[in-house]
Amino acid sequence: MRCAVSRAVNARAKASWSIIRELGVRVLPNTAGCHSVKEAVTTAHMAREVFGTPWIKLEVIGEDDTLQPDVFGLTEAARILCAEGFEVFPYTTEDLVLRNGCSRPAAGC
């Protein structure tokens, strides 16, 4: 099931969230659609508050047509969020050098 955090919450979204809570399912909110570090970090903060989880699937879009990630923004956002206690699951390309860099202690994750 996919739920989106938005400024306006309708009755259907409230009902869906009630069902998820009753089932005890853990959710993995994400920052899909974010184009900047600031947007991604802000969305992660909102998701943690709404869903009560430190988990976040981190995405920072770098190119609109292909939705390829901004790897530099992704790394910066990961550092910020990990320092704030988030458990970050970064969405990136198959670039193994970047993946290894995101999982090192220097990245904060």
PDB file of N, CA and C in Angstrom:
ATOM      1  N   MET A   1       0.839  -1.159   0.000  1.00  0.00           N
ATOM      2  CA  MET A   1       0.000   0.000   0.000  1.00  0.00           C
ATOM      3  C   MET A   1       0.887   1.226   0.000  1.00  0.00           C
ATOM      4  N   ARG A   2       0.525   2.224  -0.737  1.00  0.00           N
ATOM      5  CA  ARG A   2       1.312   3.453  -0.814  1.00  0.00           C
ATOM      6  C   ARG A   2       0.488   4.587  -0.254  1.00  0.00           C
ATOM      7  N   CYS A   3       1.054   5.318   0.689  1.00  0.00           N
ATOM      8  CA  CYS A   3       0.415   6.506   1.255  1.00  0.00           C
ATOM      9  C   CYS A   3       1.365   7.671   1.078  1.00  0.00           C
ATOM     10  N   ALA A   4       0.845   8.815   0.811  1.00  0.00           N
ATOM     11  CA  ALA A   4       1.678   9.996   0.630  1.00  0.00           C
ATOM     12  C   ALA A   4       1.388  10.992   1.737  1.00  0.00           C
ATOM     13  N   VAL A   5       2.440  11.656   2.209  1.00  0.00           N
ATOM     14  CA  VAL A   5       2.278  12.720   3.184  1.00  0.00           C
ATOM     15  C   VAL A   5       2.017  13.990   2.392  1.00  0.00           C
ATOM     16  N   SER A   6       0.948  14.652   2.709  1.00  0.00           N
ATOM     17  CA  SER A   6       0.650  15.914   2.033  1.00  0.00           C
ATOM     18  C   SER A   6       0.107  16.893   3.053  1.00  0.00           C
ATOM     19  N   ARG A   7      -0.015  18.125   2.623  1.00  0.00           N
ATOM     20  CA  ARG A   7      -0.502  19.162   3.537  1.00  0.00           C
ATOM     21  C   ARG A   7      -1.977  18.967   3.863  1.00  0.00           C
ATOM     22  N   ALA A   8      -2.732  18.451   2.931  1.00  0.00           N
ATOM     23  CA  ALA A   8      -4.163  18.238   3.136  1.00  0.00           C
ATOM     24  C   ALA A   8      -4.414  16.745   3.329  1.00  0.00           C
ATOM     25  N   VAL A   9      -5.039  16.389   4.435  1.00  0.00           N
ATOM     26  CA  VAL A   9      -5.326  14.983   4.720  1.00  0.00           C
ATOM     27  C   VAL A   9      -6.825  14.776   4.550  1.00  0.00           C
ATOM     28  N   ASN A  10      -7.200  13.833   3.689  1.00  0.00           N
ATOM     29  CA  ASN A  10      -8.620  13.582   3.483  1.00  0.00           C
ATOM     30  C   ASN A  10      -9.071  12.361   4.277  1.00  0.00           C
ATOM     31  N   ALA A  11     -10.372  12.103   4.249  1.00  0.00           N
ATOM     32  CA  ALA A  11     -10.951  11.007   5.040  1.00  0.00           C
ATOM     33  C   ALA A  11     -10.416   9.652   4.612  1.00  0.00           C
ATOM     34  N   ARG A  12     -10.209   9.457   3.314  1.00  0.00           N
ATOM     35  CA  ARG A  12      -9.704   8.172   2.827  1.00  0.00           C
ATOM     36  C   ARG A  12      -8.299   7.907   3.369  1.00  0.00           C
ATOM     37  N   ALA A  13      -7.455   8.925   3.379  1.00  0.00           N
ATOM     38  CA  ALA A  13      -6.094   8.767   3.905  1.00  0.00           C
ATOM     39  C   ALA A  13      -6.129   8.432   5.391  1.00  0.00           C
ATOM     40  N   LYS A  14      -7.016   9.083   6.133  1.00  0.00           N
ATOM     41  CA  LYS A  14      -7.135   8.789   7.568  1.00  0.00           C
ATOM     42  C   LYS A  14      -7.583   7.351   7.793  1.00  0.00           C
ATOM     43  N   ALA A  15      -8.525   6.885   6.994  1.00  0.00           N
ATOM     44  CA  ALA A  15      -9.002   5.506   7.130  1.00  0.00           C
ATOM     45  C   ALA A  15      -7.893   4.514   6.793  1.00  0.00           C
ATOM     46  N   SER A  16      -7.135   4.793   5.738  1.00  0.00           N
ATOM     47  CA  SER A  16      -6.027   3.910   5.347  1.00  0.00           C
ATOM     48  C   SER A  16      -4.991   3.836   6.454  1.00  0.00           C
ATOM     49  N   TRP A  17      -4.661   4.972   7.026  1.00  0.00           N
ATOM     50  CA  TRP A  17      -3.660   5.003   8.093  1.00  0.00           C
ATOM     51  C   TRP A  17      -4.165   4.250   9.317  1.00  0.00           C
ATOM     52  N   SER A  18      -5.442   4.345   9.623  1.00  0.00           N
ATOM     53  CA  SER A  18      -6.007   3.602  10.757  1.00  0.00           C
ATOM     54  C   SER A  18      -5.848   2.101  10.550  1.00  0.00           C
ATOM     55  N   ILE A  19      -6.103   1.623   9.345  1.00  0.00           N
ATOM     56  CA  ILE A  19      -5.959   0.196   9.041  1.00  0.00           C
ATOM     57  C   ILE A  19      -4.507  -0.240   9.214  1.00  0.00           C
ATOM     58  N   ILE A  20      -3.567   0.557   8.722  1.00  0.00           N
ATOM     59  CA  ILE A  20      -2.141   0.225   8.841  1.00  0.00           C
ATOM     60  C   ILE A  20      -1.741   0.137  10.311  1.00  0.00           C
ATOM     61  N   ARG A  21      -2.183   1.094  11.120  1.00  0.00           N
ATOM     62  CA  ARG A  21      -1.859   1.068  12.550  1.00  0.00           C
ATOM     63  C   ARG A  21      -2.449  -0.162  13.231  1.00  0.00           C
ATOM     64  N   GLU A  22      -3.694  -0.482  12.913  1.00  0.00           N
ATOM     65  CA  GLU A  22      -4.355  -1.642  13.526  1.00  0.00           C
ATOM     66  C   GLU A  22      -3.644  -2.946  13.179  1.00  0.00           C
ATOM     67  N   LEU A  23      -3.101  -3.044  11.976  1.00  0.00           N
ATOM     68  CA  LEU A  23      -2.393  -4.254  11.555  1.00  0.00           C
ATOM     69  C   LEU A  23      -0.985  -4.340  12.146  1.00  0.00           C
ATOM     70  N   GLY A  24      -0.489  -3.241  12.675  1.00  0.00           N
ATOM     71  CA  GLY A  24       0.856  -3.228  13.247  1.00  0.00           C
ATOM     72  C   GLY A  24       1.959  -3.294  12.202  1.00  0.00           C
ATOM     73  N   VAL A  25       1.646  -2.874  10.999  1.00  0.00           N
ATOM     74  CA  VAL A  25       2.603  -2.913   9.898  1.00  0.00           C
ATOM     75  C   VAL A  25       3.591  -1.759  10.038  1.00  0.00           C
ATOM     76  N   ARG A  26       4.869  -2.055   9.848  1.00  0.00           N
ATOM     77  CA  ARG A  26       5.876  -0.988   9.836  1.00  0.00           C
ATOM     78  C   ARG A  26       5.899  -0.372   8.452  1.00  0.00           C
ATOM     79  N   VAL A  27       5.974   0.922   8.405  1.00  0.00           N
ATOM     80  CA  VAL A  27       5.978   1.618   7.123  1.00  0.00           C
ATOM     81  C   VAL A  27       7.376   2.155   6.825  1.00  0.00           C
ATOM     82  N   LEU A  28       7.657   2.319   5.548  1.00  0.00           N
ATOM     83  CA  LEU A  28       8.911   2.909   5.095  1.00  0.00           C
ATOM     84  C   LEU A  28       8.558   4.145   4.274  1.00  0.00           C
ATOM     85  N   PRO A  29       8.429   5.289   4.945  1.00  0.00           N
ATOM     86  CA  PRO A  29       8.137   6.512   4.199  1.00  0.00           C
ATOM     87  C   PRO A  29       9.315   6.869   3.298  1.00  0.00           C
ATOM     88  N   ASN A  30       9.031   7.654   2.256  1.00  0.00           N
ATOM     89  CA  ASN A  30      10.127   8.055   1.382  1.00  0.00           C
ATOM     90  C   ASN A  30      10.003   9.505   0.965  1.00  0.00           C
ATOM     91  N   THR A  31      11.075   9.991   0.384  1.00  0.00           N
ATOM     92  CA  THR A  31      11.144  11.387  -0.034  1.00  0.00           C
ATOM     93  C   THR A  31      10.997  11.523  -1.543  1.00  0.00           C
ATOM     94  N   ALA A  32      10.270  10.606  -2.160  1.00  0.00           N
ATOM     95  CA  ALA A  32      10.061  10.653  -3.609  1.00  0.00           C
ATOM     96  C   ALA A  32       9.487  12.008  -4.010  1.00  0.00           C
ATOM     97  N   GLY A  33       9.985  12.527  -5.101  1.00  0.00           N
ATOM     98  CA  GLY A  33       9.507  13.812  -5.604  1.00  0.00           C
ATOM     99  C   GLY A  33      10.285  15.002  -5.095  1.00  0.00           C
ATOM    100  N   CYS A  34      11.239  14.783  -4.205  1.00  0.00           N
ATOM    101  CA  CYS A  34      12.048  15.888  -3.679  1.00  0.00           C
ATOM    102  C   CYS A  34      13.201  16.186  -4.634  1.00  0.00           C
ATOM    103  N   HIS A  35      13.408  17.476  -4.889  1.00  0.00           N
ATOM    104  CA  HIS A  35      14.448  17.904  -5.825  1.00  0.00           C
ATOM    105  C   HIS A  35      15.633  18.577  -5.142  1.00  0.00           C
ATOM    106  N   SER A  36      15.572  18.720  -3.830  1.00  0.00           N
ATOM    107  CA  SER A  36      16.669  19.381  -3.121  1.00  0.00           C
ATOM    108  C   SER A  36      16.890  18.704  -1.777  1.00  0.00           C
ATOM    109  N   VAL A  37      18.049  18.964  -1.213  1.00  0.00           N
ATOM    110  CA  VAL A  37      18.375  18.436   0.120  1.00  0.00           C
ATOM    111  C   VAL A  37      17.366  18.958   1.130  1.00  0.00           C
ATOM    112  N   LYS A  38      17.052  20.251   1.051  1.00  0.00           N
ATOM    113  CA  LYS A  38      16.122  20.857   2.009  1.00  0.00           C
ATOM    114  C   LYS A  38      14.750  20.189   1.933  1.00  0.00           C
ATOM    115  N   GLU A  39      14.236  19.966   0.724  1.00  0.00           N
ATOM    116  CA  GLU A  39      12.942  19.293   0.568  1.00  0.00           C
ATOM    117  C   GLU A  39      12.975  17.885   1.152  1.00  0.00           C
ATOM    118  N   ALA A  40      14.036  17.150   0.866  1.00  0.00           N
ATOM    119  CA  ALA A  40      14.148  15.769   1.343  1.00  0.00           C
ATOM    120  C   ALA A  40      14.219  15.711   2.866  1.00  0.00           C
ATOM    121  N   VAL A  41      15.007  16.576   3.463  1.00  0.00           N
ATOM    122  CA  VAL A  41      15.159  16.586   4.924  1.00  0.00           C
ATOM    123  C   VAL A  41      13.843  16.992   5.585  1.00  0.00           C
ATOM    124  N   THR A  42      13.183  18.006   5.032  1.00  0.00           N
ATOM    125  CA  THR A  42      11.898  18.452   5.584  1.00  0.00           C
ATOM    126  C   THR A  42      10.847  17.350   5.475  1.00  0.00           C
ATOM    127  N   THR A  43      10.789  16.681   4.330  1.00  0.00           N
ATOM    128  CA  THR A  43       9.837  15.587   4.138  1.00  0.00           C
ATOM    129  C   THR A  43      10.119  14.440   5.103  1.00  0.00           C
ATOM    130  N   ALA A  44      11.394  14.137   5.321  1.00  0.00           N
ATOM    131  CA  ALA A  44      11.765  13.087   6.274  1.00  0.00           C
ATOM    132  C   ALA A  44      11.310  13.444   7.684  1.00  0.00           C
ATOM    133  N   HIS A  45      11.471  14.703   8.067  1.00  0.00           N
ATOM    134  CA  HIS A  45      11.021  15.140   9.390  1.00  0.00           C
ATOM    135  C   HIS A  45       9.508  14.983   9.531  1.00  0.00           C
ATOM    136  N   MET A  46       8.769  15.382   8.488  1.00  0.00           N
ATOM    137  CA  MET A  46       7.309  15.239   8.532  1.00  0.00           C
ATOM    138  C   MET A  46       6.919  13.769   8.621  1.00  0.00           C
ATOM    139  N   ALA A  47       7.587  12.923   7.855  1.00  0.00           N
ATOM    140  CA  ALA A  47       7.263  11.495   7.860  1.00  0.00           C
ATOM    141  C   ALA A  47       7.536  10.869   9.223  1.00  0.00           C
ATOM    142  N   ARG A  48       8.639  11.258   9.847  1.00  0.00           N
ATOM    143  CA  ARG A  48       8.945  10.703  11.172  1.00  0.00           C
ATOM    144  C   ARG A  48       7.878  11.116  12.184  1.00  0.00           C
ATOM    145  N   GLU A  49       7.426  12.357  12.079  1.00  0.00           N
ATOM    146  CA  GLU A  49       6.402  12.836  13.008  1.00  0.00           C
ATOM    147  C   GLU A  49       5.057  12.136  12.773  1.00  0.00           C
ATOM    148  N   VAL A  50       4.679  11.989  11.517  1.00  0.00           N
ATOM    149  CA  VAL A  50       3.381  11.397  11.191  1.00  0.00           C
ATOM    150  C   VAL A  50       3.365   9.893  11.429  1.00  0.00           C
ATOM    151  N   PHE A  51       4.414   9.207  10.967  1.00  0.00           N
ATOM    152  CA  PHE A  51       4.403   7.746  10.996  1.00  0.00           C
ATOM    153  C   PHE A  51       5.136   7.153  12.201  1.00  0.00           C
ATOM    154  N   GLY A  52       5.839   7.969  12.965  1.00  0.00           N
ATOM    155  CA  GLY A  52       6.495   7.484  14.163  1.00  0.00           C
ATOM    156  C   GLY A  52       7.595   6.474  13.909  1.00  0.00           C
ATOM    157  N   THR A  53       8.350   6.665  12.839  1.00  0.00           N
ATOM    158  CA  THR A  53       9.439   5.742  12.514  1.00  0.00           C
ATOM    159  C   THR A  53      10.693   6.519  12.128  1.00  0.00           C
ATOM    160  N   PRO A  54      11.856   6.003  12.509  1.00  0.00           N
ATOM    161  CA  PRO A  54      13.104   6.642  12.085  1.00  0.00           C
ATOM    162  C   PRO A  54      13.530   6.197  10.687  1.00  0.00           C
ATOM    163  N   TRP A  55      12.803   5.253  10.097  1.00  0.00           N
ATOM    164  CA  TRP A  55      13.159   4.763   8.762  1.00  0.00           C
ATOM    165  C   TRP A  55      12.778   5.790   7.705  1.00  0.00           C
ATOM    166  N   ILE A  56      13.631   5.944   6.697  1.00  0.00           N
ATOM    167  CA  ILE A  56      13.304   6.795   5.568  1.00  0.00           C
ATOM    168  C   ILE A  56      14.002   6.279   4.319  1.00  0.00           C
ATOM    169  N   LYS A  57      13.236   6.092   3.262  1.00  0.00           N
ATOM    170  CA  LYS A  57      13.818   5.791   1.954  1.00  0.00           C
ATOM    171  C   LYS A  57      14.126   7.144   1.342  1.00  0.00           C
ATOM    172  N   LEU A  58      15.395   7.429   1.171  1.00  0.00           N
ATOM    173  CA  LEU A  58      15.843   8.764   0.775  1.00  0.00           C
ATOM    174  C   LEU A  58      16.042   8.855  -0.725  1.00  0.00           C
ATOM    175  N   GLU A  59      15.329   9.785  -1.336  1.00  0.00           N
ATOM    176  CA  GLU A  59      15.471  10.073  -2.757  1.00  0.00           C
ATOM    177  C   GLU A  59      15.621  11.578  -2.932  1.00  0.00           C
ATOM    178  N   VAL A  60      16.579  11.976  -3.756  1.00  0.00           N
ATOM    179  CA  VAL A  60      16.730  13.367  -4.174  1.00  0.00           C
ATOM    180  C   VAL A  60      16.870  13.332  -5.693  1.00  0.00           C
ATOM    181  N   ILE A  61      15.872  13.855  -6.394  1.00  0.00           N
ATOM    182  CA  ILE A  61      15.859  13.799  -7.855  1.00  0.00           C
ATOM    183  C   ILE A  61      16.842  14.809  -8.427  1.00  0.00           C
ATOM    184  N   GLY A  62      17.669  14.331  -9.354  1.00  0.00           N
ATOM    185  CA  GLY A  62      18.642  15.198 -10.006  1.00  0.00           C
ATOM    186  C   GLY A  62      18.279  15.537 -11.436  1.00  0.00           C
ATOM    187  N   GLU A  63      17.468  14.692 -12.061  1.00  0.00           N
ATOM    188  CA  GLU A  63      17.127  14.897 -13.477  1.00  0.00           C
ATOM    189  C   GLU A  63      15.657  14.515 -13.666  1.00  0.00           C
ATOM    190  N   ASP A  64      14.850  15.494 -14.079  1.00  0.00           N
ATOM    191  CA  ASP A  64      13.400  15.294 -14.141  1.00  0.00           C
ATOM    192  C   ASP A  64      12.936  14.253 -15.153  1.00  0.00           C
ATOM    193  N   ASP A  65      13.560  14.200 -16.314  1.00  0.00           N
ATOM    194  CA  ASP A  65      13.077  13.290 -17.357  1.00  0.00           C
ATOM    195  C   ASP A  65      13.317  11.823 -17.018  1.00  0.00           C
ATOM    196  N   THR A  66      14.472  11.515 -16.471  1.00  0.00           N
ATOM    197  CA  THR A  66      14.809  10.122 -16.161  1.00  0.00           C
ATOM    198  C   THR A  66      14.637   9.779 -14.689  1.00  0.00           C
ATOM    199  N   LEU A  67      14.430  10.793 -13.858  1.00  0.00           N
ATOM    200  CA  LEU A  67      14.327  10.649 -12.405  1.00  0.00           C
ATOM    201  C   LEU A  67      15.602  10.082 -11.785  1.00  0.00           C
ATOM    202  N   GLN A  68      16.721  10.271 -12.466  1.00  0.00           N
ATOM    203  CA  GLN A  68      18.003   9.854 -11.906  1.00  0.00           C
ATOM    204  C   GLN A  68      18.281  10.681 -10.653  1.00  0.00           C
ATOM    205  N   PRO A  69      18.868  10.078  -9.650  1.00  0.00           N
ATOM    206  CA  PRO A  69      19.110  10.790  -8.398  1.00  0.00           C
ATOM    207  C   PRO A  69      20.254  11.793  -8.503  1.00  0.00           C
ATOM    208  N   ASP A  70      20.168  12.802  -7.654  1.00  0.00           N
ATOM    209  CA  ASP A  70      21.268  13.751  -7.451  1.00  0.00           C
ATOM    210  C   ASP A  70      22.149  13.110  -6.383  1.00  0.00           C
ATOM    211  N   VAL A  71      23.232  12.484  -6.801  1.00  0.00           N
ATOM    212  CA  VAL A  71      24.035  11.699  -5.861  1.00  0.00           C
ATOM    213  C   VAL A  71      24.721  12.579  -4.820  1.00  0.00           C
ATOM    214  N   PHE A  72      25.048  13.812  -5.189  1.00  0.00           N
ATOM    215  CA  PHE A  72      25.687  14.718  -4.221  1.00  0.00           C
ATOM    216  C   PHE A  72      24.670  15.186  -3.185  1.00  0.00           C
ATOM    217  N   GLY A  73      23.465  15.529  -3.646  1.00  0.00           N
ATOM    218  CA  GLY A  73      22.398  15.906  -2.722  1.00  0.00           C
ATOM    219  C   GLY A  73      21.977  14.739  -1.849  1.00  0.00           C
ATOM    220  N   LEU A  74      21.936  13.552  -2.430  1.00  0.00           N
ATOM    221  CA  LEU A  74      21.583  12.347  -1.692  1.00  0.00           C
ATOM    222  C   LEU A  74      22.568  12.102  -0.552  1.00  0.00           C
ATOM    223  N   THR A  75      23.847  12.229  -0.855  1.00  0.00           N
ATOM    224  CA  THR A  75      24.877  12.013   0.161  1.00  0.00           C
ATOM    225  C   THR A  75      24.787  13.059   1.269  1.00  0.00           C
ATOM    226  N   GLU A  76      24.577  14.320   0.885  1.00  0.00           N
ATOM    227  CA  GLU A  76      24.459  15.383   1.890  1.00  0.00           C
ATOM    228  C   GLU A  76      23.229  15.169   2.778  1.00  0.00           C
ATOM    229  N   ALA A  77      22.091  14.853   2.160  1.00  0.00           N
ATOM    230  CA  ALA A  77      20.873  14.616   2.933  1.00  0.00           C
ATOM    231  C   ALA A  77      21.036  13.404   3.855  1.00  0.00           C
ATOM    232  N   ALA A  78      21.706  12.366   3.365  1.00  0.00           N
ATOM    233  CA  ALA A  78      21.943  11.171   4.194  1.00  0.00           C
ATOM    234  C   ALA A  78      22.778  11.518   5.415  1.00  0.00           C
ATOM    235  N   ARG A  79      23.790  12.326   5.235  1.00  0.00           N
ATOM    236  CA  ARG A  79      24.626  12.736   6.381  1.00  0.00           C
ATOM    237  C   ARG A  79      23.804  13.479   7.421  1.00  0.00           C
ATOM    238  N   ILE A  80      22.982  14.411   6.949  1.00  0.00           N
ATOM    239  CA  ILE A  80      22.154  15.206   7.865  1.00  0.00           C
ATOM    240  C   ILE A  80      21.188  14.304   8.624  1.00  0.00           C
ATOM    241  N   LEU A  81      20.471  13.465   7.893  1.00  0.00           N
ATOM    242  CA  LEU A  81      19.440  12.636   8.518  1.00  0.00           C
ATOM    243  C   LEU A  81      20.025  11.580   9.446  1.00  0.00           C
ATOM    244  N   CYS A  82      21.137  10.983   9.065  1.00  0.00           N
ATOM    245  CA  CYS A  82      21.773   9.993   9.949  1.00  0.00           C
ATOM    246  C   CYS A  82      22.238  10.641  11.244  1.00  0.00           C
ATOM    247  N   ALA A  83      22.744  11.855  11.145  1.00  0.00           N
ATOM    248  CA  ALA A  83      23.177  12.577  12.345  1.00  0.00           C
ATOM    249  C   ALA A  83      21.997  12.886  13.259  1.00  0.00           C
ATOM    250  N   GLU A  84      20.795  12.934  12.691  1.00  0.00           N
ATOM    251  CA  GLU A  84      19.582  13.209  13.463  1.00  0.00           C
ATOM    252  C   GLU A  84      18.878  11.936  13.926  1.00  0.00           C
ATOM    253  N   GLY A  85      19.513  10.792  13.730  1.00  0.00           N
ATOM    254  CA  GLY A  85      18.966   9.544  14.237  1.00  0.00           C
ATOM    255  C   GLY A  85      18.102   8.751  13.275  1.00  0.00           C
ATOM    256  N   PHE A  86      18.022   9.171  12.023  1.00  0.00           N
ATOM    257  CA  PHE A  86      17.263   8.411  11.035  1.00  0.00           C
ATOM    258  C   PHE A  86      18.031   7.168  10.607  1.00  0.00           C
ATOM    259  N   GLU A  87      17.294   6.154  10.201  1.00  0.00           N
ATOM    260  CA  GLU A  87      17.867   4.989   9.538  1.00  0.00           C
ATOM    261  C   GLU A  87      17.556   5.178   8.063  1.00  0.00           C
ATOM    262  N   VAL A  88      18.588   5.523   7.284  1.00  0.00           N
ATOM    263  CA  VAL A  88      18.412   5.941   5.902  1.00  0.00           C
ATOM    264  C   VAL A  88      18.620   4.778   4.940  1.00  0.00           C
ATOM    265  N   PHE A  89      17.674   4.629   4.024  1.00  0.00           N
ATOM    266  CA  PHE A  89      17.756   3.666   2.944  1.00  0.00           C
ATOM    267  C   PHE A  89      17.825   4.476   1.645  1.00  0.00           C
ATOM    268  N   PRO A  90      19.040   4.760   1.150  1.00  0.00           N
ATOM    269  CA  PRO A  90      19.164   5.655  -0.009  1.00  0.00           C
ATOM    270  C   PRO A  90      18.769   4.988  -1.316  1.00  0.00           C
ATOM    271  N   TYR A  91      18.080   5.748  -2.148  1.00  0.00           N
ATOM    272  CA  TYR A  91      17.759   5.321  -3.507  1.00  0.00           C
ATOM    273  C   TYR A  91      18.780   5.956  -4.439  1.00  0.00           C
ATOM    274  N   THR A  92      19.543   5.128  -5.104  1.00  0.00           N
ATOM    275  CA  THR A  92      20.574   5.645  -5.992  1.00  0.00           C
ATOM    276  C   THR A  92      20.728   4.722  -7.191  1.00  0.00           C
ATOM    277  N   THR A  93      21.653   5.056  -8.046  1.00  0.00           N
ATOM    278  CA  THR A  93      21.930   4.241  -9.216  1.00  0.00           C
ATOM    279  C   THR A  93      22.790   3.056  -8.802  1.00  0.00           C
ATOM    280  N   GLU A  94      23.188   2.275  -9.786  1.00  0.00           N
ATOM    281  CA  GLU A  94      24.025   1.104  -9.513  1.00  0.00           C
ATOM    282  C   GLU A  94      25.502   1.474  -9.351  1.00  0.00           C
ATOM    283  N   ASP A  95      25.788   2.724  -9.054  1.00  0.00           N
ATOM    284  CA  ASP A  95      27.158   3.202  -8.859  1.00  0.00           C
ATOM    285  C   ASP A  95      27.705   2.633  -7.540  1.00  0.00           C
ATOM    286  N   LEU A  96      28.558   1.632  -7.640  1.00  0.00           N
ATOM    287  CA  LEU A  96      29.058   0.953  -6.439  1.00  0.00           C
ATOM    288  C   LEU A  96      29.970   1.843  -5.598  1.00  0.00           C
ATOM    289  N   VAL A  97      30.693   2.744  -6.231  1.00  0.00           N
ATOM    290  CA  VAL A  97      31.546   3.658  -5.473  1.00  0.00           C
ATOM    291  C   VAL A  97      30.680   4.553  -4.586  1.00  0.00           C
ATOM    292  N   LEU A  98      29.601   5.084  -5.149  1.00  0.00           N
ATOM    293  CA  LEU A  98      28.690   5.906  -4.359  1.00  0.00           C
ATOM    294  C   LEU A  98      28.024   5.075  -3.266  1.00  0.00           C
ATOM    295  N   ARG A  99      27.540   3.889  -3.607  1.00  0.00           N
ATOM    296  CA  ARG A  99      26.896   3.044  -2.613  1.00  0.00           C
ATOM    297  C   ARG A  99      27.825   2.757  -1.450  1.00  0.00           C
ATOM    298  N   ASN A 100      29.063   2.438  -1.761  1.00  0.00           N
ATOM    299  CA  ASN A 100      30.023   2.171  -0.693  1.00  0.00           C
ATOM    300  C   ASN A 100      30.278   3.417   0.129  1.00  0.00           C
ATOM    301  N   GLY A 101      30.324   4.567  -0.515  1.00  0.00           N
ATOM    302  CA  GLY A 101      30.526   5.823   0.198  1.00  0.00           C
ATOM    303  C   GLY A 101      29.368   6.145   1.116  1.00  0.00           C
ATOM    304  N   CYS A 102      28.139   5.822   0.696  1.00  0.00           N
ATOM    305  CA  CYS A 102      26.958   6.094   1.530  1.00  0.00           C
ATOM    306  C   CYS A 102      26.896   5.165   2.732  1.00  0.00           C
ATOM    307  N   SER A 103      27.549   4.019   2.659  1.00  0.00           N
ATOM    308  CA  SER A 103      27.456   3.087   3.775  1.00  0.00           C
ATOM    309  C   SER A 103      28.647   3.187   4.733  1.00  0.00           C
ATOM    310  N   ARG A 104      29.601   4.021   4.411  1.00  0.00           N
ATOM    311  CA  ARG A 104      30.748   4.206   5.309  1.00  0.00           C
ATOM    312  C   ARG A 104      30.376   5.088   6.475  1.00  0.00           C
ATOM    313  N   PRO A 105      31.070   4.946   7.598  1.00  0.00           N
ATOM    314  CA  PRO A 105      30.800   5.794   8.754  1.00  0.00           C
ATOM    315  C   PRO A 105      30.952   7.282   8.455  1.00  0.00           C
ATOM    316  N   ALA A 106      31.804   7.644   7.503  1.00  0.00           N
ATOM    317  CA  ALA A 106      31.985   9.053   7.172  1.00  0.00           C
ATOM    318  C   ALA A 106      30.698   9.671   6.637  1.00  0.00           C
ATOM    319  N   ALA A 107      29.850   8.865   6.004  1.00  0.00           N
ATOM    320  CA  ALA A 107      28.581   9.363   5.497  1.00  0.00           C
ATOM    321  C   ALA A 107      27.553   9.485   6.625  1.00  0.00           C
ATOM    322  N   GLY A 108      27.877   8.901   7.768  1.00  0.00           N
ATOM    323  CA  GLY A 108      26.979   8.994   8.910  1.00  0.00           C
ATOM    324  C   GLY A 108      25.911   7.930   8.976  1.00  0.00           C
ATOM    325  N   CYS A 109      25.943   6.972   8.071  1.00  0.00           N
ATOM    326  CA  CYS A 109      24.899   5.938   8.037  1.00  0.00           C
ATOM    327  C   CYS A 109      25.459   4.600   8.483  1.00  0.00           C
TER     328      CYS A 109
END
